[in-house]
């Protein structure tokens, strides 16, 4: 496992250039496959392969609870987190369906569920039983934040050592949109009102309350935006920290990181503040219907592949977008060139 904050390797510029040059020899007008072409070049640079491969993918789902749920910021009770973990293990969640569709290895990790999660199929790496209620206290200590980052690193390490060539990282945690909105507000300086959405489906009165709770909590905790680990400890979630750790370890191992929705993108932003070189390894799967996701994407200068109005989490949108990464790789390796097909490469 790598040092969480050590310098990440640069992407392989030579392999990226070779892939770009090969694209122009394929039986198509230059650039005619649109964003699939720079995606293929990015994958070549990340993998360090002129003809990259991204299959099989690995899906990591981190689960944790949030003390801020006590403030009534979610439409669902905290017990749903553990219930959904059981659903993941039983294979009945959306991410299970999509992971099976793409042939992914899926692992579920308890990094901070408030109740005891028992049974086979869950990796027990619980740092603590849910975060503190950041309306009245810090969500966690800096040490606990680092422990949760380490949980993510170890999960990514297991996936890559099992043969996974791309990582999809999802989450489950009632009230985690509140933690993510708070983190995003501090890291970007944007007003809370622009970033807070309905999450699991709160009504208008609930939305007003959620915004007020987060604004008051940020004022009370007063984290320093230039200290991202401190921001995470004050306002974050254990699963958010674990996602950041998984991203950093995946990049250290030259694995493409397919970023899911709002929660995962905020985790990616946090991770990039800790390790800026990470940005080159991130591929953004989709634009979520959650209010703050556009601002999180803008902060990372990211253009997502899909816009399906999703707001589920779990890694579901990233699993759906994986087919585009596979297509980009197959385009590079399987399309004929003008020379091999005996086709004129340009105007007579």
C-alpha atoms as a PDB file:
ATOM      1  CA  UNK A   1       0.000   0.000   0.000  1.00  0.00           C
ATOM      2  CA  UNK A   2       1.332   3.422  -0.944  1.00  0.00           C
ATOM      3  CA  UNK A   3       1.851   6.383   1.386  1.00  0.00           C
ATOM      4  CA  UNK A   4      -1.490   8.206   1.140  1.00  0.00           C
ATOM      5  CA  UNK A   5       0.017  11.608   0.394  1.00  0.00           C
ATOM      6  CA  UNK A   6       3.149  10.592  -1.499  1.00  0.00           C
ATOM      7  CA  UNK A   7       3.630  11.896  -5.027  1.00  0.00           C
ATOM      8  CA  UNK A   8       1.648   9.902  -7.553  1.00  0.00           C
ATOM      9  CA  UNK A   9       3.270   8.776 -10.811  1.00  0.00           C
ATOM     10  CA  UNK A  10       2.780  10.951 -13.860  1.00  0.00           C
ATOM     11  CA  UNK A  11       0.636   9.479 -16.591  1.00  0.00           C
ATOM     12  CA  UNK A  12       2.673   7.913 -19.413  1.00  0.00           C
ATOM     13  CA  UNK A  13       2.900  10.665 -22.016  1.00  0.00           C
ATOM     14  CA  UNK A  14       4.672   8.409 -24.520  1.00  0.00           C
ATOM     15  CA  UNK A  15       1.916   5.786 -24.471  1.00  0.00           C
ATOM     16  CA  UNK A  16      -0.725   8.501 -24.711  1.00  0.00           C
ATOM     17  CA  UNK A  17       1.035   9.971 -27.758  1.00  0.00           C
ATOM     18  CA  UNK A  18       1.295   6.543 -29.398  1.00  0.00           C
ATOM     19  CA  UNK A  19      -2.419   5.967 -28.869  1.00  0.00           C
ATOM     20  CA  UNK A  20      -3.241   9.396 -30.318  1.00  0.00           C
ATOM     21  CA  UNK A  21      -1.100   8.724 -33.382  1.00  0.00           C
ATOM     22  CA  UNK A  22      -2.710   5.310 -33.892  1.00  0.00           C
ATOM     23  CA  UNK A  23      -6.191   6.858 -33.737  1.00  0.00           C
ATOM     24  CA  UNK A  24      -5.406   8.880 -36.853  1.00  0.00           C
ATOM     25  CA  UNK A  25      -4.576   5.709 -38.801  1.00  0.00           C
ATOM     26  CA  UNK A  26      -7.959   4.074 -38.155  1.00  0.00           C
ATOM     27  CA  UNK A  27     -10.681   3.814 -40.801  1.00  0.00           C
ATOM     28  CA  UNK A  28     -12.581   6.961 -39.837  1.00  0.00           C
ATOM     29  CA  UNK A  29     -12.263  10.702 -40.343  1.00  0.00           C
ATOM     30  CA  UNK A  30     -10.031  12.273 -37.659  1.00  0.00           C
ATOM     31  CA  UNK A  31     -12.018  13.080 -34.542  1.00  0.00           C
ATOM     32  CA  UNK A  32     -15.211  11.493 -35.857  1.00  0.00           C
ATOM     33  CA  UNK A  33     -15.648   9.338 -32.765  1.00  0.00           C
ATOM     34  CA  UNK A  34     -15.799  12.475 -30.654  1.00  0.00           C
ATOM     35  CA  UNK A  35     -15.017  12.249 -26.951  1.00  0.00           C
ATOM     36  CA  UNK A  36     -14.300   8.535 -27.249  1.00  0.00           C
ATOM     37  CA  UNK A  37     -10.967   9.421 -28.848  1.00  0.00           C
ATOM     38  CA  UNK A  38      -9.455  11.574 -26.059  1.00  0.00           C
ATOM     39  CA  UNK A  39     -10.877   9.042 -23.596  1.00  0.00           C
ATOM     40  CA  UNK A  40      -8.827   6.313 -25.286  1.00  0.00           C
ATOM     41  CA  UNK A  41      -5.728   8.518 -25.141  1.00  0.00           C
ATOM     42  CA  UNK A  42      -6.299   9.226 -21.439  1.00  0.00           C
ATOM     43  CA  UNK A  43      -6.673   5.518 -20.713  1.00  0.00           C
ATOM     44  CA  UNK A  44      -3.428   4.761 -22.556  1.00  0.00           C
ATOM     45  CA  UNK A  45      -1.598   7.339 -20.460  1.00  0.00           C
ATOM     46  CA  UNK A  46      -3.062   6.085 -17.197  1.00  0.00           C
ATOM     47  CA  UNK A  47      -2.415   2.418 -17.873  1.00  0.00           C
ATOM     48  CA  UNK A  48       0.979   2.971 -19.494  1.00  0.00           C
ATOM     49  CA  UNK A  49      -0.179   0.857 -22.445  1.00  0.00           C
ATOM     50  CA  UNK A  50      -0.527   2.012 -26.052  1.00  0.00           C
ATOM     51  CA  UNK A  51      -3.444  -0.412 -26.326  1.00  0.00           C
ATOM     52  CA  UNK A  52      -4.954  -0.233 -22.833  1.00  0.00           C
ATOM     53  CA  UNK A  53      -7.343  -2.735 -21.298  1.00  0.00           C
ATOM     54  CA  UNK A  54      -9.832  -1.866 -18.564  1.00  0.00           C
ATOM     55  CA  UNK A  55     -11.564  -5.210 -18.042  1.00  0.00           C
ATOM     56  CA  UNK A  56     -12.276  -6.634 -15.610  1.00  0.00           C
ATOM     57  CA  UNK A  57     -13.425  -3.662 -13.533  1.00  0.00           C
ATOM     58  CA  UNK A  58     -13.640  -3.628  -9.762  1.00  0.00           C
ATOM     59  CA  UNK A  59     -16.489  -2.075  -7.778  1.00  0.00           C
ATOM     60  CA  UNK A  60     -15.918  -0.980  -4.178  1.00  0.00           C
ATOM     61  CA  UNK A  61     -18.913   0.099  -2.085  1.00  0.00           C
ATOM     62  CA  UNK A  62     -18.078   1.794   1.227  1.00  0.00           C
ATOM     63  CA  UNK A  63     -20.831   2.045   3.843  1.00  0.00           C
ATOM     64  CA  UNK A  64     -20.951   4.352   6.864  1.00  0.00           C
ATOM     65  CA  UNK A  65     -23.409   6.318   8.963  1.00  0.00           C
ATOM     66  CA  UNK A  66     -23.524  10.026   9.746  1.00  0.00           C
ATOM     67  CA  UNK A  67     -24.275  11.660  13.075  1.00  0.00           C
ATOM     68  CA  UNK A  68     -25.799  14.645  11.271  1.00  0.00           C
ATOM     69  CA  UNK A  69     -28.789  12.396  10.473  1.00  0.00           C
ATOM     70  CA  UNK A  70     -30.009  13.206  13.997  1.00  0.00           C
ATOM     71  CA  UNK A  71     -30.826  16.707  12.723  1.00  0.00           C
ATOM     72  CA  UNK A  72     -33.569  15.380  10.422  1.00  0.00           C
ATOM     73  CA  UNK A  73     -31.735  16.074   7.155  1.00  0.00           C
ATOM     74  CA  UNK A  74     -32.750  12.824   5.430  1.00  0.00           C
ATOM     75  CA  UNK A  75     -36.068  11.339   4.356  1.00  0.00           C
ATOM     76  CA  UNK A  76     -34.963   7.899   5.577  1.00  0.00           C
ATOM     77  CA  UNK A  77     -33.904   6.668   9.041  1.00  0.00           C
ATOM     78  CA  UNK A  78     -30.284   5.811   9.744  1.00  0.00           C
ATOM     79  CA  UNK A  79     -31.154   2.108   9.966  1.00  0.00           C
ATOM     80  CA  UNK A  80     -31.489   2.024   6.172  1.00  0.00           C
ATOM     81  CA  UNK A  81     -27.693   2.090   5.809  1.00  0.00           C
ATOM     82  CA  UNK A  82     -27.318  -1.342   7.417  1.00  0.00           C
ATOM     83  CA  UNK A  83     -30.386  -2.628   5.591  1.00  0.00           C
ATOM     84  CA  UNK A  84     -28.882  -1.602   2.260  1.00  0.00           C
ATOM     85  CA  UNK A  85     -25.597  -3.289   3.148  1.00  0.00           C
ATOM     86  CA  UNK A  86     -27.601  -6.497   3.562  1.00  0.00           C
ATOM     87  CA  UNK A  87     -29.197  -5.831   0.176  1.00  0.00           C
ATOM     88  CA  UNK A  88     -25.765  -5.420  -1.430  1.00  0.00           C
ATOM     89  CA  UNK A  89     -24.643  -8.716   0.067  1.00  0.00           C
ATOM     90  CA  UNK A  90     -27.820 -10.430  -1.165  1.00  0.00           C
ATOM     91  CA  UNK A  91     -27.180  -9.094  -4.675  1.00  0.00           C
ATOM     92  CA  UNK A  92     -30.406  -7.111  -4.919  1.00  0.00           C
ATOM     93  CA  UNK A  93     -29.265  -3.489  -5.271  1.00  0.00           C
ATOM     94  CA  UNK A  94     -28.872  -1.525  -8.488  1.00  0.00           C
ATOM     95  CA  UNK A  95     -25.087  -1.679  -8.245  1.00  0.00           C
ATOM     96  CA  UNK A  96     -25.255  -5.471  -8.006  1.00  0.00           C
ATOM     97  CA  UNK A  97     -27.253  -5.640 -11.227  1.00  0.00           C
ATOM     98  CA  UNK A  98     -24.944  -3.272 -13.087  1.00  0.00           C
ATOM     99  CA  UNK A  99     -21.788  -4.907 -11.717  1.00  0.00           C
ATOM    100  CA  UNK A 100     -22.978  -8.284 -12.974  1.00  0.00           C
ATOM    101  CA  UNK A 101     -23.719  -6.740 -16.359  1.00  0.00           C
ATOM    102  CA  UNK A 102     -20.123  -5.552 -16.795  1.00  0.00           C
ATOM    103  CA  UNK A 103     -18.475  -8.571 -15.182  1.00  0.00           C
ATOM    104  CA  UNK A 104     -17.128  -6.603 -12.232  1.00  0.00           C
ATOM    105  CA  UNK A 105     -15.639  -7.866  -9.006  1.00  0.00           C
ATOM    106  CA  UNK A 106     -17.722  -6.251  -6.226  1.00  0.00           C
ATOM    107  CA  UNK A 107     -16.675  -5.742  -2.626  1.00  0.00           C
ATOM    108  CA  UNK A 108     -18.747  -4.172   0.171  1.00  0.00           C
ATOM    109  CA  UNK A 109     -16.808  -2.560   3.016  1.00  0.00           C
ATOM    110  CA  UNK A 110     -18.205  -1.456   6.390  1.00  0.00           C
ATOM    111  CA  UNK A 111     -16.062   1.544   7.257  1.00  0.00           C
ATOM    112  CA  UNK A 112     -18.471   3.075   9.769  1.00  0.00           C
ATOM    113  CA  UNK A 113     -22.008   1.664   9.895  1.00  0.00           C
ATOM    114  CA  UNK A 114     -23.622   2.596  13.219  1.00  0.00           C
ATOM    115  CA  UNK A 115     -25.001  -0.876  13.900  1.00  0.00           C
ATOM    116  CA  UNK A 116     -23.314  -4.259  13.779  1.00  0.00           C
ATOM    117  CA  UNK A 117     -23.266  -5.641  10.245  1.00  0.00           C
ATOM    118  CA  UNK A 118     -22.825  -9.375  10.392  1.00  0.00           C
ATOM    119  CA  UNK A 119     -22.567 -12.185   7.898  1.00  0.00           C
ATOM    120  CA  UNK A 120     -20.358 -13.200   5.034  1.00  0.00           C
ATOM    121  CA  UNK A 121     -19.893 -10.817   2.160  1.00  0.00           C
ATOM    122  CA  UNK A 122     -18.988  -7.662   4.089  1.00  0.00           C
ATOM    123  CA  UNK A 123     -15.410  -6.608   4.754  1.00  0.00           C
ATOM    124  CA  UNK A 124     -15.330  -5.327   8.349  1.00  0.00           C
ATOM    125  CA  UNK A 125     -13.025  -2.302   8.477  1.00  0.00           C
ATOM    126  CA  UNK A 126     -15.182  -0.205  10.818  1.00  0.00           C
ATOM    127  CA  UNK A 127     -13.219   2.812  12.057  1.00  0.00           C
ATOM    128  CA  UNK A 128     -16.036   3.873  14.384  1.00  0.00           C
ATOM    129  CA  UNK A 129     -19.807   3.365  14.573  1.00  0.00           C
ATOM    130  CA  UNK A 130     -20.786   6.389  12.496  1.00  0.00           C
ATOM    131  CA  UNK A 131     -19.464   9.927  12.596  1.00  0.00           C
ATOM    132  CA  UNK A 132     -20.210  12.485  15.248  1.00  0.00           C
ATOM    133  CA  UNK A 133     -23.030  14.950  14.625  1.00  0.00           C
ATOM    134  CA  UNK A 134     -21.080  17.809  13.060  1.00  0.00           C
ATOM    135  CA  UNK A 135     -23.823  20.225  14.065  1.00  0.00           C
ATOM    136  CA  UNK A 136     -22.493  19.899  17.622  1.00  0.00           C
ATOM    137  CA  UNK A 137     -19.024  18.307  17.341  1.00  0.00           C
ATOM    138  CA  UNK A 138     -16.409  17.310  14.793  1.00  0.00           C
ATOM    139  CA  UNK A 139     -17.444  14.384  12.619  1.00  0.00           C
ATOM    140  CA  UNK A 140     -14.248  12.502  13.505  1.00  0.00           C
ATOM    141  CA  UNK A 141     -10.681  13.045  14.631  1.00  0.00           C
ATOM    142  CA  UNK A 142      -7.864  13.589  12.166  1.00  0.00           C
ATOM    143  CA  UNK A 143      -6.548  10.173  13.147  1.00  0.00           C
ATOM    144  CA  UNK A 144      -9.886   8.544  12.326  1.00  0.00           C
ATOM    145  CA  UNK A 145      -9.966  10.357   8.991  1.00  0.00           C
ATOM    146  CA  UNK A 146      -6.547   8.917   8.182  1.00  0.00           C
ATOM    147  CA  UNK A 147      -7.692   5.453   9.278  1.00  0.00           C
ATOM    148  CA  UNK A 148     -10.673   5.661   6.918  1.00  0.00           C
ATOM    149  CA  UNK A 149      -8.429   6.796   4.065  1.00  0.00           C
ATOM    150  CA  UNK A 150      -6.326   3.720   4.792  1.00  0.00           C
ATOM    151  CA  UNK A 151      -9.421   1.501   4.579  1.00  0.00           C
ATOM    152  CA  UNK A 152      -9.978   2.803   1.064  1.00  0.00           C
ATOM    153  CA  UNK A 153      -6.371   2.262   0.112  1.00  0.00           C
ATOM    154  CA  UNK A 154      -6.441  -1.346   1.254  1.00  0.00           C
ATOM    155  CA  UNK A 155      -9.664  -2.027  -0.634  1.00  0.00           C
ATOM    156  CA  UNK A 156      -8.184  -0.626  -3.848  1.00  0.00           C
ATOM    157  CA  UNK A 157      -5.043  -2.667  -3.267  1.00  0.00           C
ATOM    158  CA  UNK A 158      -7.116  -5.855  -2.942  1.00  0.00           C
ATOM    159  CA  UNK A 159      -9.036  -5.096  -6.122  1.00  0.00           C
ATOM    160  CA  UNK A 160      -5.960  -4.394  -8.229  1.00  0.00           C
ATOM    161  CA  UNK A 161      -4.108  -7.414  -6.882  1.00  0.00           C
ATOM    162  CA  UNK A 162      -7.178  -9.503  -7.800  1.00  0.00           C
ATOM    163  CA  UNK A 163      -6.703  -8.387 -11.407  1.00  0.00           C
ATOM    164  CA  UNK A 164      -9.045  -5.393 -11.707  1.00  0.00           C
ATOM    165  CA  UNK A 165      -7.940  -2.886 -14.355  1.00  0.00           C
ATOM    166  CA  UNK A 166     -10.404  -0.091 -13.568  1.00  0.00           C
ATOM    167  CA  UNK A 167     -11.983   1.010 -10.290  1.00  0.00           C
ATOM    168  CA  UNK A 168     -15.568   2.108  -9.703  1.00  0.00           C
ATOM    169  CA  UNK A 169     -16.080   3.387  -6.163  1.00  0.00           C
ATOM    170  CA  UNK A 170     -19.536   3.742  -4.646  1.00  0.00           C
ATOM    171  CA  UNK A 171     -21.049   4.446  -1.251  1.00  0.00           C
ATOM    172  CA  UNK A 172     -24.007   4.019   1.049  1.00  0.00           C
ATOM    173  CA  UNK A 173     -24.700   6.254   4.014  1.00  0.00           C
ATOM    174  CA  UNK A 174     -27.893   7.970   5.104  1.00  0.00           C
ATOM    175  CA  UNK A 175     -27.242  11.757   5.316  1.00  0.00           C
ATOM    176  CA  UNK A 176     -24.053  11.598   3.253  1.00  0.00           C
ATOM    177  CA  UNK A 177     -25.331  14.283   0.880  1.00  0.00           C
ATOM    178  CA  UNK A 178     -25.343  16.634   3.897  1.00  0.00           C
ATOM    179  CA  UNK A 179     -21.715  15.851   4.691  1.00  0.00           C
ATOM    180  CA  UNK A 180     -20.761  16.167   1.023  1.00  0.00           C
ATOM    181  CA  UNK A 181     -22.539  19.505   0.648  1.00  0.00           C
ATOM    182  CA  UNK A 182     -20.770  20.838   3.735  1.00  0.00           C
ATOM    183  CA  UNK A 183     -17.376  19.681   2.455  1.00  0.00           C
ATOM    184  CA  UNK A 184     -18.035  21.169  -0.966  1.00  0.00           C
ATOM    185  CA  UNK A 185     -19.120  24.524   0.467  1.00  0.00           C
ATOM    186  CA  UNK A 186     -15.895  24.848   2.449  1.00  0.00           C
ATOM    187  CA  UNK A 187     -13.582  23.551  -0.290  1.00  0.00           C
ATOM    188  CA  UNK A 188     -15.071  25.799  -2.999  1.00  0.00           C
ATOM    189  CA  UNK A 189     -16.333  28.780  -1.036  1.00  0.00           C
ATOM    190  CA  UNK A 190     -19.736  28.479  -2.717  1.00  0.00           C
ATOM    191  CA  UNK A 191     -22.916  29.309  -0.771  1.00  0.00           C
ATOM    192  CA  UNK A 192     -24.559  26.341   0.920  1.00  0.00           C
ATOM    193  CA  UNK A 193     -27.921  27.190  -0.647  1.00  0.00           C
ATOM    194  CA  UNK A 194     -26.487  26.513  -4.125  1.00  0.00           C
ATOM    195  CA  UNK A 195     -25.117  23.114  -3.151  1.00  0.00           C
ATOM    196  CA  UNK A 196     -27.718  21.416  -0.979  1.00  0.00           C
ATOM    197  CA  UNK A 197     -30.249  19.182  -2.700  1.00  0.00           C
ATOM    198  CA  UNK A 198     -33.022  16.839  -1.677  1.00  0.00           C
ATOM    199  CA  UNK A 199     -30.784  13.794  -1.233  1.00  0.00           C
ATOM    200  CA  UNK A 200     -33.037  10.814  -0.586  1.00  0.00           C
ATOM    201  CA  UNK A 201     -36.126  12.907  -1.343  1.00  0.00           C
ATOM    202  CA  UNK A 202     -36.857  15.406   1.439  1.00  0.00           C
ATOM    203  CA  UNK A 203     -39.750  17.836   0.966  1.00  0.00           C
ATOM    204  CA  UNK A 204     -39.522  21.631   0.697  1.00  0.00           C
ATOM    205  CA  UNK A 205     -39.563  22.180   4.458  1.00  0.00           C
ATOM    206  CA  UNK A 206     -36.904  19.519   4.888  1.00  0.00           C
ATOM    207  CA  UNK A 207     -34.728  21.186   2.271  1.00  0.00           C
ATOM    208  CA  UNK A 208     -34.923  24.527   4.089  1.00  0.00           C
ATOM    209  CA  UNK A 209     -33.996  22.802   7.349  1.00  0.00           C
ATOM    210  CA  UNK A 210     -31.131  20.878   5.739  1.00  0.00           C
ATOM    211  CA  UNK A 211     -29.613  24.087   4.380  1.00  0.00           C
ATOM    212  CA  UNK A 212     -29.938  25.849   7.729  1.00  0.00           C
ATOM    213  CA  UNK A 213     -28.383  22.931   9.627  1.00  0.00           C
ATOM    214  CA  UNK A 214     -25.388  22.792   7.283  1.00  0.00           C
ATOM    215  CA  UNK A 215     -24.841  26.560   7.316  1.00  0.00           C
ATOM    216  CA  UNK A 216     -24.907  26.639  11.121  1.00  0.00           C
ATOM    217  CA  UNK A 217     -22.624  23.615  11.369  1.00  0.00           C
ATOM    218  CA  UNK A 218     -20.004  25.122   9.076  1.00  0.00           C
ATOM    219  CA  UNK A 219     -20.067  28.325  11.120  1.00  0.00           C
ATOM    220  CA  UNK A 220     -19.699  26.351  14.348  1.00  0.00           C
ATOM    221  CA  UNK A 221     -16.902  24.070  13.158  1.00  0.00           C
ATOM    222  CA  UNK A 222     -15.132  26.851  11.188  1.00  0.00           C
ATOM    223  CA  UNK A 223     -12.736  24.533   9.316  1.00  0.00           C
ATOM    224  CA  UNK A 224      -9.776  25.921   7.385  1.00  0.00           C
ATOM    225  CA  UNK A 225     -10.307  25.384   3.643  1.00  0.00           C
ATOM    226  CA  UNK A 226      -6.527  25.192   3.184  1.00  0.00           C
ATOM    227  CA  UNK A 227      -6.399  22.142   5.478  1.00  0.00           C
ATOM    228  CA  UNK A 228      -8.374  19.496   3.549  1.00  0.00           C
ATOM    229  CA  UNK A 229      -7.743  16.759   6.100  1.00  0.00           C
ATOM    230  CA  UNK A 230      -9.058  19.069   8.803  1.00  0.00           C
ATOM    231  CA  UNK A 231     -12.143  19.852   6.707  1.00  0.00           C
ATOM    232  CA  UNK A 232     -12.750  16.122   6.283  1.00  0.00           C
ATOM    233  CA  UNK A 233     -12.410  15.510  10.020  1.00  0.00           C
ATOM    234  CA  UNK A 234     -14.745  18.381  10.894  1.00  0.00           C
ATOM    235  CA  UNK A 235     -17.545  17.773   8.399  1.00  0.00           C
ATOM    236  CA  UNK A 236     -16.953  14.621   6.400  1.00  0.00           C
ATOM    237  CA  UNK A 237     -17.919  10.981   6.356  1.00  0.00           C
ATOM    238  CA  UNK A 238     -15.960   7.808   6.881  1.00  0.00           C
ATOM    239  CA  UNK A 239     -17.058   6.457   3.502  1.00  0.00           C
ATOM    240  CA  UNK A 240     -16.070   9.739   1.849  1.00  0.00           C
ATOM    241  CA  UNK A 241     -12.606   9.413   3.362  1.00  0.00           C
ATOM    242  CA  UNK A 242     -12.402   5.796   2.208  1.00  0.00           C
ATOM    243  CA  UNK A 243     -13.356   6.759  -1.346  1.00  0.00           C
ATOM    244  CA  UNK A 244     -10.571   9.360  -1.341  1.00  0.00           C
ATOM    245  CA  UNK A 245      -8.128   6.701  -0.162  1.00  0.00           C
ATOM    246  CA  UNK A 246      -9.251   4.248  -2.832  1.00  0.00           C
ATOM    247  CA  UNK A 247      -8.741   6.897  -5.505  1.00  0.00           C
ATOM    248  CA  UNK A 248      -5.223   7.667  -4.307  1.00  0.00           C
ATOM    249  CA  UNK A 249      -4.199   4.008  -4.138  1.00  0.00           C
ATOM    250  CA  UNK A 250      -5.724   3.288  -7.537  1.00  0.00           C
ATOM    251  CA  UNK A 251      -3.757   6.126  -9.095  1.00  0.00           C
ATOM    252  CA  UNK A 252      -0.570   4.906  -7.423  1.00  0.00           C
ATOM    253  CA  UNK A 253      -1.180   1.601  -9.221  1.00  0.00           C
ATOM    254  CA  UNK A 254      -1.968   3.218 -12.603  1.00  0.00           C
ATOM    255  CA  UNK A 255      -5.624   2.203 -12.623  1.00  0.00           C
ATOM    256  CA  UNK A 256      -8.306   4.394 -14.260  1.00  0.00           C
ATOM    257  CA  UNK A 257     -10.731   5.763 -11.670  1.00  0.00           C
ATOM    258  CA  UNK A 258     -14.310   6.048 -12.877  1.00  0.00           C
ATOM    259  CA  UNK A 259     -15.925   8.643 -10.611  1.00  0.00           C
ATOM    260  CA  UNK A 260     -19.630   8.205  -9.848  1.00  0.00           C
ATOM    261  CA  UNK A 261     -21.991  10.956  -8.692  1.00  0.00           C
ATOM    262  CA  UNK A 262     -22.143  13.747  -6.125  1.00  0.00           C
ATOM    263  CA  UNK A 263     -20.628  11.955  -3.127  1.00  0.00           C
ATOM    264  CA  UNK A 264     -17.803  10.370  -5.130  1.00  0.00           C
ATOM    265  CA  UNK A 265     -17.021  13.642  -6.913  1.00  0.00           C
ATOM    266  CA  UNK A 266     -16.727  15.520  -3.615  1.00  0.00           C
ATOM    267  CA  UNK A 267     -14.439  12.727  -2.388  1.00  0.00           C
ATOM    268  CA  UNK A 268     -12.409  13.148  -5.588  1.00  0.00           C
ATOM    269  CA  UNK A 269     -12.150  16.904  -5.023  1.00  0.00           C
ATOM    270  CA  UNK A 270     -10.971  16.323  -1.473  1.00  0.00           C
ATOM    271  CA  UNK A 271      -8.432  13.742  -2.664  1.00  0.00           C
ATOM    272  CA  UNK A 272      -7.136  16.136  -5.318  1.00  0.00           C
ATOM    273  CA  UNK A 273      -6.586  18.776  -2.633  1.00  0.00           C
ATOM    274  CA  UNK A 274      -4.482  16.200  -0.772  1.00  0.00           C
ATOM    275  CA  UNK A 275      -2.717  14.826  -3.885  1.00  0.00           C
ATOM    276  CA  UNK A 276      -3.134  17.131  -6.922  1.00  0.00           C
ATOM    277  CA  UNK A 277      -1.533  14.634  -9.342  1.00  0.00           C
ATOM    278  CA  UNK A 278      -4.603  12.438  -8.865  1.00  0.00           C
ATOM    279  CA  UNK A 279      -6.664  14.560 -11.267  1.00  0.00           C
ATOM    280  CA  UNK A 280      -5.132  12.961 -14.388  1.00  0.00           C
ATOM    281  CA  UNK A 281      -6.388   9.529 -13.295  1.00  0.00           C
ATOM    282  CA  UNK A 282     -10.034  10.560 -12.879  1.00  0.00           C
ATOM    283  CA  UNK A 283     -12.736   9.908 -15.475  1.00  0.00           C
ATOM    284  CA  UNK A 284     -16.126  11.363 -14.563  1.00  0.00           C
ATOM    285  CA  UNK A 285     -18.992   9.011 -15.308  1.00  0.00           C
ATOM    286  CA  UNK A 286     -22.107  11.154 -15.173  1.00  0.00           C
ATOM    287  CA  UNK A 287     -23.777  14.367 -14.069  1.00  0.00           C
ATOM    288  CA  UNK A 288     -25.997  13.662 -11.086  1.00  0.00           C
ATOM    289  CA  UNK A 289     -29.397  15.229 -10.519  1.00  0.00           C
ATOM    290  CA  UNK A 290     -28.197  16.269  -7.033  1.00  0.00           C
ATOM    291  CA  UNK A 291     -27.949  20.056  -6.690  1.00  0.00           C
ATOM    292  CA  UNK A 292     -24.258  20.456  -5.856  1.00  0.00           C
ATOM    293  CA  UNK A 293     -22.819  18.039  -8.370  1.00  0.00           C
ATOM    294  CA  UNK A 294     -22.413  20.644 -11.097  1.00  0.00           C
ATOM    295  CA  UNK A 295     -20.319  22.817  -8.777  1.00  0.00           C
ATOM    296  CA  UNK A 296     -18.196  19.832  -7.739  1.00  0.00           C
ATOM    297  CA  UNK A 297     -17.565  18.976 -11.391  1.00  0.00           C
ATOM    298  CA  UNK A 298     -16.732  22.605 -12.163  1.00  0.00           C
ATOM    299  CA  UNK A 299     -14.215  22.707  -9.310  1.00  0.00           C
ATOM    300  CA  UNK A 300     -12.425  19.777 -10.958  1.00  0.00           C
ATOM    301  CA  UNK A 301     -12.867  21.146 -14.502  1.00  0.00           C
ATOM    302  CA  UNK A 302     -14.614  17.893 -15.324  1.00  0.00           C
ATOM    303  CA  UNK A 303     -16.923  17.013 -18.196  1.00  0.00           C
ATOM    304  CA  UNK A 304     -18.844  13.816 -17.400  1.00  0.00           C
ATOM    305  CA  UNK A 305     -19.597  11.131 -19.960  1.00  0.00           C
ATOM    306  CA  UNK A 306     -23.328  10.739 -19.253  1.00  0.00           C
ATOM    307  CA  UNK A 307     -26.291  12.786 -18.044  1.00  0.00           C
ATOM    308  CA  UNK A 308     -29.115  10.434 -17.067  1.00  0.00           C
ATOM    309  CA  UNK A 309     -30.523  12.456 -14.135  1.00  0.00           C
ATOM    310  CA  UNK A 310     -29.321   9.779 -11.711  1.00  0.00           C
ATOM    311  CA  UNK A 311     -29.056  10.457  -7.969  1.00  0.00           C
ATOM    312  CA  UNK A 312     -28.737   6.993  -6.457  1.00  0.00           C
ATOM    313  CA  UNK A 313     -25.053   6.655  -5.647  1.00  0.00           C
ATOM    314  CA  UNK A 314     -23.673   3.174  -4.926  1.00  0.00           C
ATOM    315  CA  UNK A 315     -21.375   3.553  -7.963  1.00  0.00           C
ATOM    316  CA  UNK A 316     -24.381   2.940 -10.209  1.00  0.00           C
ATOM    317  CA  UNK A 317     -23.721   5.702 -12.742  1.00  0.00           C
ATOM    318  CA  UNK A 318     -20.054   4.770 -13.028  1.00  0.00           C
ATOM    319  CA  UNK A 319     -20.968   1.143 -13.685  1.00  0.00           C
ATOM    320  CA  UNK A 320     -23.287   2.276 -16.478  1.00  0.00           C
ATOM    321  CA  UNK A 321     -20.537   4.446 -18.001  1.00  0.00           C
ATOM    322  CA  UNK A 322     -17.960   1.655 -17.948  1.00  0.00           C
ATOM    323  CA  UNK A 323     -19.129   0.425 -21.360  1.00  0.00           C
ATOM    324  CA  UNK A 324     -17.741   3.623 -22.891  1.00  0.00           C
ATOM    325  CA  UNK A 325     -14.273   2.929 -21.468  1.00  0.00           C
ATOM    326  CA  UNK A 326     -14.405  -0.602 -22.836  1.00  0.00           C
ATOM    327  CA  UNK A 327     -15.502   0.755 -26.222  1.00  0.00           C
ATOM    328  CA  UNK A 328     -12.636   3.264 -26.274  1.00  0.00           C
ATOM    329  CA  UNK A 329     -10.111   0.488 -25.649  1.00  0.00           C
ATOM    330  CA  UNK A 330     -11.627  -1.833 -28.249  1.00  0.00           C
ATOM    331  CA  UNK A 331     -11.688   0.980 -30.798  1.00  0.00           C
ATOM    332  CA  UNK A 332      -7.928   1.345 -30.423  1.00  0.00           C
ATOM    333  CA  UNK A 333      -7.098  -2.340 -30.560  1.00  0.00           C
ATOM    334  CA  UNK A 334      -9.707  -3.786 -32.930  1.00  0.00           C
ATOM    335  CA  UNK A 335     -10.484  -1.217 -35.642  1.00  0.00           C
ATOM    336  CA  UNK A 336      -8.724  -1.655 -38.964  1.00  0.00           C
ATOM    337  CA  UNK A 337      -6.255   0.945 -40.176  1.00  0.00           C
ATOM    338  CA  UNK A 338      -6.510   2.515 -43.615  1.00  0.00           C
ATOM    339  CA  UNK A 339      -3.471   0.487 -44.641  1.00  0.00           C
ATOM    340  CA  UNK A 340      -4.712  -2.908 -43.439  1.00  0.00           C
ATOM    341  CA  UNK A 341      -8.178  -2.318 -44.897  1.00  0.00           C
ATOM    342  CA  UNK A 342      -6.837  -1.063 -48.230  1.00  0.00           C
ATOM    343  CA  UNK A 343      -8.760   2.193 -47.944  1.00  0.00           C
ATOM    344  CA  UNK A 344      -7.498   5.550 -49.136  1.00  0.00           C
ATOM    345  CA  UNK A 345      -6.626   7.685 -46.139  1.00  0.00           C
ATOM    346  CA  UNK A 346      -7.569  11.041 -47.619  1.00  0.00           C
ATOM    347  CA  UNK A 347      -8.805  13.015 -50.631  1.00  0.00           C
ATOM    348  CA  UNK A 348      -7.491  11.845 -53.980  1.00  0.00           C
END
